[in-house]
Protein backbone atom coordinates (compact mmCIF):
# COMPACT_ATOMS: atom_id res chain seq x y z
CA MET A 1 11.32 -18.94 10.73
CA VAL A 2 12.02 -15.27 9.95
CA VAL A 3 10.61 -12.69 12.32
CA ILE A 4 9.12 -9.99 10.11
CA ASN A 5 9.16 -7.12 12.60
CA ASP A 6 12.74 -7.72 13.70
CA ARG A 7 14.01 -4.23 13.02
CA SER A 8 17.58 -5.24 13.74
CA ARG A 9 17.57 -7.32 10.54
CA ASP A 10 19.75 -5.89 7.82
CA LEU A 11 18.05 -5.99 4.44
CA GLY A 12 21.15 -4.67 2.78
CA PRO A 13 21.41 -1.45 0.85
CA PHE A 14 18.59 -0.30 -1.40
CA MET A 15 19.56 -1.22 -4.94
CA PRO A 16 17.54 0.56 -7.63
CA ALA A 17 15.95 -1.73 -10.21
CA ASP A 18 15.03 -1.05 -13.82
CA ASP A 19 11.29 -1.28 -13.11
CA ASP A 20 11.24 1.01 -10.04
CA GLY A 21 9.39 3.67 -12.03
CA LEU A 22 6.42 1.35 -12.58
CA ILE A 23 3.28 2.80 -11.00
CA ILE A 24 1.74 0.23 -8.67
CA CYS A 25 -0.94 2.34 -6.98
CA ARG A 26 -2.67 4.36 -9.69
CA CYS A 27 -4.94 6.26 -7.31
CA GLU A 28 -2.05 7.72 -5.28
CA GLU A 29 0.61 7.41 -8.05
CA ILE A 30 2.98 5.31 -5.94
CA THR A 31 5.80 3.53 -7.77
CA LYS A 32 7.39 0.16 -7.14
CA GLY A 33 10.63 1.92 -6.21
CA GLU A 34 8.90 4.02 -3.54
CA ILE A 35 7.45 0.87 -1.96
CA ARG A 36 10.80 -0.93 -2.09
CA ARG A 37 12.60 2.06 -0.57
CA ALA A 38 10.02 2.32 2.24
CA VAL A 39 10.75 -1.29 3.22
CA HIS A 40 14.48 -0.60 3.22
CA ASP A 41 13.84 2.52 5.29
CA GLY A 42 12.30 0.40 8.06
CA MET A 43 8.64 -0.18 7.22
CA PHE A 44 8.49 -3.91 7.81
CA ASN A 45 4.76 -4.54 7.41
CA LEU A 46 2.02 -3.63 4.97
CA HIS A 47 0.21 -1.31 7.38
CA GLU A 48 3.29 0.86 7.89
CA VAL A 49 3.95 1.07 4.16
CA ARG A 50 0.32 2.05 3.50
CA ARG A 51 0.32 4.74 6.17
CA PHE A 52 3.64 6.17 5.02
CA LEU A 53 3.00 6.17 1.26
CA ARG A 54 -0.84 6.08 1.17
CA CYS A 55 -0.77 3.22 -1.35
CA GLY A 56 -4.10 1.45 -1.22
CA MET A 57 -5.83 4.45 0.35
CA GLY A 58 -7.08 6.12 -2.82
CA LEU A 59 -10.38 5.82 -4.60
CA CYS A 60 -10.17 2.03 -5.09
CA GLN A 61 -9.14 1.40 -1.44
CA GLY A 62 -6.48 -1.11 -2.50
CA GLN A 63 -8.77 -3.21 -4.69
CA THR A 64 -6.42 -2.66 -7.64
CA CYS A 65 -2.97 -2.55 -6.04
CA GLY A 66 -3.33 -4.36 -2.71
CA ARG A 67 -1.95 -7.72 -3.80
CA LEU A 68 0.90 -6.10 -5.73
CA VAL A 69 1.99 -3.99 -2.77
CA ARG A 70 1.83 -7.01 -0.49
CA SER A 71 3.96 -9.11 -2.85
CA ILE A 72 6.55 -6.33 -3.22
CA VAL A 73 6.85 -5.98 0.57
CA ALA A 74 7.21 -9.76 0.96
CA ARG A 75 9.86 -9.94 -1.75
CA GLU A 76 11.89 -7.11 -0.24
CA LEU A 77 11.73 -8.68 3.22
CA GLY A 78 12.61 -12.10 1.81
CA THR A 79 9.60 -13.74 3.45
CA PRO A 80 6.69 -15.78 2.09
CA ILE A 81 3.71 -13.65 1.14
CA ALA A 82 1.56 -15.65 3.59
CA GLN A 83 3.51 -14.06 6.47
CA ILE A 84 2.54 -10.55 5.39
CA ASP A 85 -0.79 -9.48 6.91
CA GLU A 86 -3.42 -8.46 4.39
CA ALA A 87 -4.68 -4.91 4.38
CA THR A 88 -8.18 -4.17 5.59
CA ALA A 89 -10.46 -4.02 2.57
CA ARG A 90 -13.00 -1.24 2.35
CA ALA A 91 -15.67 -0.61 -0.23
CA PRO A 92 -14.73 1.87 -2.97
CA MET A 93 -16.06 5.30 -2.12
CA ARG A 94 -16.43 8.53 -4.07
CA PRO A 95 -16.68 12.03 -2.67
CA ILE A 96 -20.22 13.41 -2.83
CA GLU A 97 -21.12 17.07 -2.76
CA MET A 98 -23.38 18.14 0.07
CA SER A 99 -25.92 19.47 -2.44
CA VAL A 100 -26.75 15.86 -3.35
CA PHE A 101 -27.75 15.18 0.24
CA ALA A 102 -29.70 18.43 0.39
CA LYS A 103 -31.76 17.38 -2.64
CA GLU A 104 -32.65 14.10 -0.94
CA VAL A 105 -33.97 15.98 2.08
CA GLU A 106 -36.07 18.29 -0.11
CA ASP A 107 -37.65 15.31 -1.90
CA VAL A 108 -38.82 13.72 1.34
């Protein structure tokens, strides 16, 4: 069994791929290459990649890109996807101006 957080593991050099420019996280505009490079730079779990790149932290909260990011991390680490912890899902949120809340108070 491969230990995922074994930071002494050598993943080999980062080798650019033809599809590295593909945008995986549309909310934060994170590409496949950026995710792959983060893993090669030492981010060995999904939570570290998310905190470093902010993928999955945009408007959709990872509802669109979460599985893709997880599969890319697993592939780069050479481990089954089941060994990569899932990200915490949150409901999609939108920023609301304070004037909307003020109107609700006036109506009461």
